C-alpha cells in the first residue's frame, strides 16, 4: 500500500474533506451551519473547545515536555513500553518492561500489518495531538508537570507506522489525516478528547476539518481517559 502525504494548505484540505469526509460522498453546502452531534459524541464535544489563532512556535523543544519517556504511572516501566504492550499482539519481552517483538496487526494510519523487532523497528509511538501543535495552542503556558503528563498520557499515544508518522509531523486535523480513511473518525475523536482534557485550543480551520470528518460518524463517542 502506498502512502501519500497530505500536503495541502489548510483551506484546501478542509475543502477536500467536505467532499470525502470519513469515506462518505455527501457534500456539504458552503456556508451552511456546522453539524451538531448528540450529547456525549465527539462531534458535540468539538463545540466545547476554544477557538483561537495559532501562537508562534518560539521556544518549543521536545525537552519542554520532559526528557524522553517517563514512568508517569509508576509501574516501573517507561510509557513507550506500556503503549507497545497495549497496542501490539503476540508480544515477547526482553526483560520485565522492554518489548522485544510483536505485531501491530492493523496499523491505524495505513491499515497494514507491521512487525515490531527491537532495534529495527518500523513502528513509532505517536502523539495523537503533536507536542508542537499543543505548544502553539496553549501548552506554552503550562507548568512542566502538566506538559510531562500530556506527553505521556496513554489517551494521547498510539503505536503506528513510522513512515506515516513522519509524514504527519506536527500537523493538526486541518493539515493531515490518516491515509487509512476508515480510521479517521476514531483519530479525530481521540484528538478532540485530548484537547478537551488539557484545554488545548483549535484554529478555525482545524475545527471545520474536525466537524467535517465527524459529520460522517455523528455517533462516534469520545474515548474514555
Protein backbone atom coordinates (compact mmCIF):
# COMPACT_ATOMS: atom_id res chain seq x y z
CA UNK A 1 0.00 0.00 0.00
CA UNK A 2 1.50 3.34 -1.00
CA UNK A 3 1.24 6.20 1.50
CA UNK A 4 0.67 9.70 0.23
CA UNK A 5 1.36 12.78 2.26
CA UNK A 6 -1.47 15.26 2.54
CA UNK A 7 0.40 18.47 1.86
CA UNK A 8 -2.44 20.81 1.02
CA UNK A 9 -2.93 24.23 2.57
CA UNK A 10 -5.41 24.17 5.42
CA UNK A 11 -8.17 25.75 3.34
CA UNK A 12 -7.67 23.29 0.50
CA UNK A 13 -7.71 20.30 2.84
CA UNK A 14 -10.91 21.45 4.51
CA UNK A 15 -12.50 21.85 1.07
CA UNK A 16 -11.48 18.31 0.11
CA UNK A 17 -12.84 16.94 3.37
CA UNK A 18 -16.22 18.42 2.57
CA UNK A 19 -16.32 16.04 -0.36
CA UNK A 20 -14.69 12.96 1.19
CA UNK A 21 -15.24 13.15 4.95
CA UNK A 22 -14.73 9.72 6.54
CA UNK A 23 -15.23 7.88 3.31
CA UNK A 24 -18.73 9.20 2.52
CA UNK A 25 -19.70 11.18 -0.54
CA UNK A 26 -22.26 13.60 0.86
CA UNK A 27 -21.23 17.15 0.03
CA UNK A 28 -21.94 19.96 2.47
CA UNK A 29 -23.29 23.29 1.26
CA UNK A 30 -20.85 26.14 1.61
CA UNK A 31 -21.81 28.49 4.39
CA UNK A 32 -24.33 26.08 5.96
CA UNK A 33 -24.40 25.81 9.78
CA UNK A 34 -21.98 23.23 11.15
CA UNK A 35 -23.37 19.80 12.09
CA UNK A 36 -24.37 19.17 15.69
CA UNK A 37 -23.77 15.85 17.40
CA UNK A 38 -25.69 14.06 20.12
CA UNK A 39 -24.73 14.50 23.76
CA UNK A 40 -21.60 12.52 24.56
CA UNK A 41 -20.43 12.38 20.96
CA UNK A 42 -17.09 13.63 19.69
CA UNK A 43 -18.95 15.86 17.23
CA UNK A 44 -20.82 17.63 20.03
CA UNK A 45 -17.61 17.97 22.05
CA UNK A 46 -15.89 19.92 19.26
CA UNK A 47 -18.12 22.90 20.04
CA UNK A 48 -16.91 22.90 23.65
CA UNK A 49 -13.32 23.62 22.62
CA UNK A 50 -11.85 27.13 22.48
CA UNK A 51 -11.07 28.50 19.03
CA UNK A 52 -8.11 30.89 18.68
CA UNK A 53 -5.26 31.65 16.35
CA UNK A 54 -2.07 29.61 16.41
CA UNK A 55 0.64 31.11 18.65
CA UNK A 56 4.27 31.31 17.47
CA UNK A 57 6.40 28.18 17.82
CA UNK A 58 9.07 30.23 19.59
CA UNK A 59 10.75 28.35 22.43
CA UNK A 60 9.47 24.91 21.50
CA UNK A 61 11.63 21.83 22.01
CA UNK A 62 10.84 18.20 22.88
CA UNK A 63 12.51 18.74 26.24
CA UNK A 64 9.78 21.23 27.18
CA UNK A 65 7.58 18.15 27.66
CA UNK A 66 10.11 16.18 29.69
CA UNK A 67 13.16 14.17 28.70
CA UNK A 68 12.16 11.06 26.79
CA UNK A 69 9.55 8.65 28.06
CA UNK A 70 8.90 8.86 31.79
CA UNK A 71 7.14 6.42 34.10
CA UNK A 72 4.23 8.69 34.97
CA UNK A 73 2.00 5.82 36.16
CA UNK A 74 4.78 4.50 38.46
CA UNK A 75 4.55 0.90 37.28
CA UNK A 76 8.31 0.61 36.84
CA UNK A 77 8.21 0.76 33.01
CA UNK A 78 8.62 3.65 30.60
CA UNK A 79 5.47 4.89 28.89
CA UNK A 80 6.74 3.80 25.45
CA UNK A 81 6.92 0.17 26.59
CA UNK A 82 3.45 0.41 28.12
CA UNK A 83 2.00 1.56 24.78
CA UNK A 84 3.79 -1.18 22.84
CA UNK A 85 2.38 -3.77 25.26
CA UNK A 86 -1.10 -2.27 24.87
CA UNK A 87 -1.15 -1.98 21.06
CA UNK A 88 0.88 -4.98 19.83
CA UNK A 89 -0.17 -8.61 19.67
CA UNK A 90 1.98 -11.69 20.32
CA UNK A 91 4.32 -9.60 22.45
CA UNK A 92 7.62 -11.06 23.62
CA UNK A 93 9.74 -9.31 26.22
CA UNK A 94 13.44 -8.61 26.52
CA UNK A 95 13.03 -8.16 30.28
CA UNK A 96 10.31 -7.13 32.72
CA UNK A 97 9.43 -3.98 30.76
CA UNK A 98 11.11 -3.82 27.37
CA UNK A 99 9.22 -5.29 24.42
CA UNK A 100 11.48 -7.42 22.20
CA UNK A 101 8.99 -8.17 19.42
CA UNK A 102 5.33 -8.19 18.48
CA UNK A 103 2.87 -7.38 15.71
CA UNK A 104 0.86 -4.26 15.04
CA UNK A 105 -1.94 -6.27 13.44
CA UNK A 106 -3.83 -3.32 11.97
CA UNK A 107 -1.85 -0.09 11.82
CA UNK A 108 -4.37 2.71 12.35
CA UNK A 109 -2.66 5.10 9.93
CA UNK A 110 -2.18 2.76 6.95
CA UNK A 111 -4.33 -0.32 7.65
CA UNK A 112 -1.27 -2.56 7.21
CA UNK A 113 0.13 -5.27 9.49
CA UNK A 114 3.61 -4.37 10.75
CA UNK A 115 6.14 -6.48 12.62
CA UNK A 116 7.99 -4.93 15.54
CA UNK A 117 11.55 -6.02 16.32
CA UNK A 118 13.52 -4.11 18.89
CA UNK A 119 16.46 -2.28 17.34
CA UNK A 120 14.99 -2.42 13.83
CA UNK A 121 11.55 -1.02 14.40
CA UNK A 122 9.25 0.38 11.73
CA UNK A 123 6.81 1.44 14.44
CA UNK A 124 6.64 4.78 16.26
CA UNK A 125 4.70 5.79 19.32
CA UNK A 126 2.86 8.85 18.05
CA UNK A 127 1.34 11.72 19.98
CA UNK A 128 -2.17 11.93 18.51
CA UNK A 129 -2.06 15.65 19.31
CA UNK A 130 1.50 16.56 18.42
CA UNK A 131 3.60 18.23 21.11
CA UNK A 132 4.48 21.13 18.82
CA UNK A 133 0.82 21.61 17.92
CA UNK A 134 -0.08 21.72 21.62
CA UNK A 135 2.77 24.15 22.28
CA UNK A 136 1.29 26.60 19.77
CA UNK A 137 -2.22 26.19 21.21
CA UNK A 138 -1.81 26.63 24.93
CA UNK A 139 0.97 24.40 26.26
CA UNK A 140 3.47 27.28 26.40
CA UNK A 141 1.52 28.47 29.42
CA UNK A 142 1.57 25.13 31.30
CA UNK A 143 3.98 24.11 34.02
CA UNK A 144 6.50 21.32 33.39
CA UNK A 145 4.47 18.71 35.24
CA UNK A 146 1.39 19.21 33.08
CA UNK A 147 3.46 19.10 29.90
CA UNK A 148 5.09 15.82 31.01
CA UNK A 149 1.66 14.35 31.79
CA UNK A 150 0.42 15.38 28.35
CA UNK A 151 3.43 13.81 26.61
CA UNK A 152 2.99 10.50 28.46
CA UNK A 153 -0.79 10.22 28.64
CA UNK A 154 -1.95 6.92 27.04
CA UNK A 155 -5.00 8.79 25.75
CA UNK A 156 -2.64 10.77 23.51
CA UNK A 157 -0.37 7.89 22.45
CA UNK A 158 -0.68 5.20 19.81
CA UNK A 159 1.62 2.74 18.05
CA UNK A 160 1.69 3.50 14.31
CA UNK A 161 3.64 3.05 11.11
CA UNK A 162 6.81 5.12 11.41
CA UNK A 163 6.73 6.44 7.83
CA UNK A 164 3.16 7.70 8.15
CA UNK A 165 4.01 9.30 11.47
CA UNK A 166 6.94 11.20 9.96
CA UNK A 167 4.66 12.47 7.21
CA UNK A 168 2.19 13.69 9.79
CA UNK A 169 4.92 15.65 11.61
CA UNK A 170 3.13 18.19 13.85
CA UNK A 171 0.06 18.52 11.65
CA UNK A 172 -3.42 19.04 13.06
CA UNK A 173 -6.68 17.80 11.55
CA UNK A 174 -6.72 20.68 9.06
CA UNK A 175 -3.38 19.70 7.53
CA UNK A 176 -3.08 15.91 8.00
CA UNK A 177 -5.38 12.93 8.38
CA UNK A 178 -4.51 9.20 8.33
CA UNK A 179 -4.31 7.83 4.77
CA UNK A 180 -6.42 4.90 6.02
CA UNK A 181 -9.82 6.57 5.82
CA UNK A 182 -11.65 4.01 7.97
CA UNK A 183 -9.68 5.25 10.99
CA UNK A 184 -10.27 8.97 10.54
CA UNK A 185 -13.36 9.20 12.75
CA UNK A 186 -11.57 7.48 15.64
CA UNK A 187 -8.45 9.57 15.10
CA UNK A 188 -10.32 12.89 15.18
CA UNK A 189 -12.40 11.77 18.18
CA UNK A 190 -9.15 11.00 20.01
CA UNK A 191 -7.80 14.45 19.20
CA UNK A 192 -10.98 16.07 20.49
CA UNK A 193 -10.76 14.10 23.72
CA UNK A 194 -7.12 15.02 24.30
CA UNK A 195 -7.65 18.70 23.54
CA UNK A 196 -10.68 18.89 25.79
CA UNK A 197 -8.89 17.13 28.66
CA UNK A 198 -5.92 19.51 28.60
CA UNK A 199 -7.54 22.71 27.34
CA UNK A 200 -5.65 22.80 24.04
CA UNK A 201 -7.44 25.14 21.65
CA UNK A 202 -8.34 24.80 17.96
CA UNK A 203 -7.87 27.03 14.96
CA UNK A 204 -10.88 27.86 12.79
CA UNK A 205 -9.61 25.61 10.00
CA UNK A 206 -8.95 22.75 12.41
CA UNK A 207 -12.45 22.96 13.90
CA UNK A 208 -14.01 22.94 10.42
CA UNK A 209 -11.95 19.89 9.42
CA UNK A 210 -12.87 18.01 12.61
CA UNK A 211 -16.58 18.69 12.17
CA UNK A 212 -16.50 17.64 8.54
CA UNK A 213 -14.92 14.29 9.40
CA UNK A 214 -17.17 13.66 12.41
CA UNK A 215 -20.32 14.60 10.48
CA UNK A 216 -19.87 11.27 8.70
CA UNK A 217 -19.91 9.44 12.06
CA UNK A 218 -22.08 11.63 14.34
CA UNK A 219 -22.47 8.88 16.96
CA UNK A 220 -18.70 8.47 17.42
CA UNK A 221 -18.09 8.59 21.18
CA UNK A 222 -15.21 10.28 22.91
CA UNK A 223 -12.69 7.74 24.22
CA UNK A 224 -12.50 7.31 27.97
CA UNK A 225 -9.44 8.56 29.80
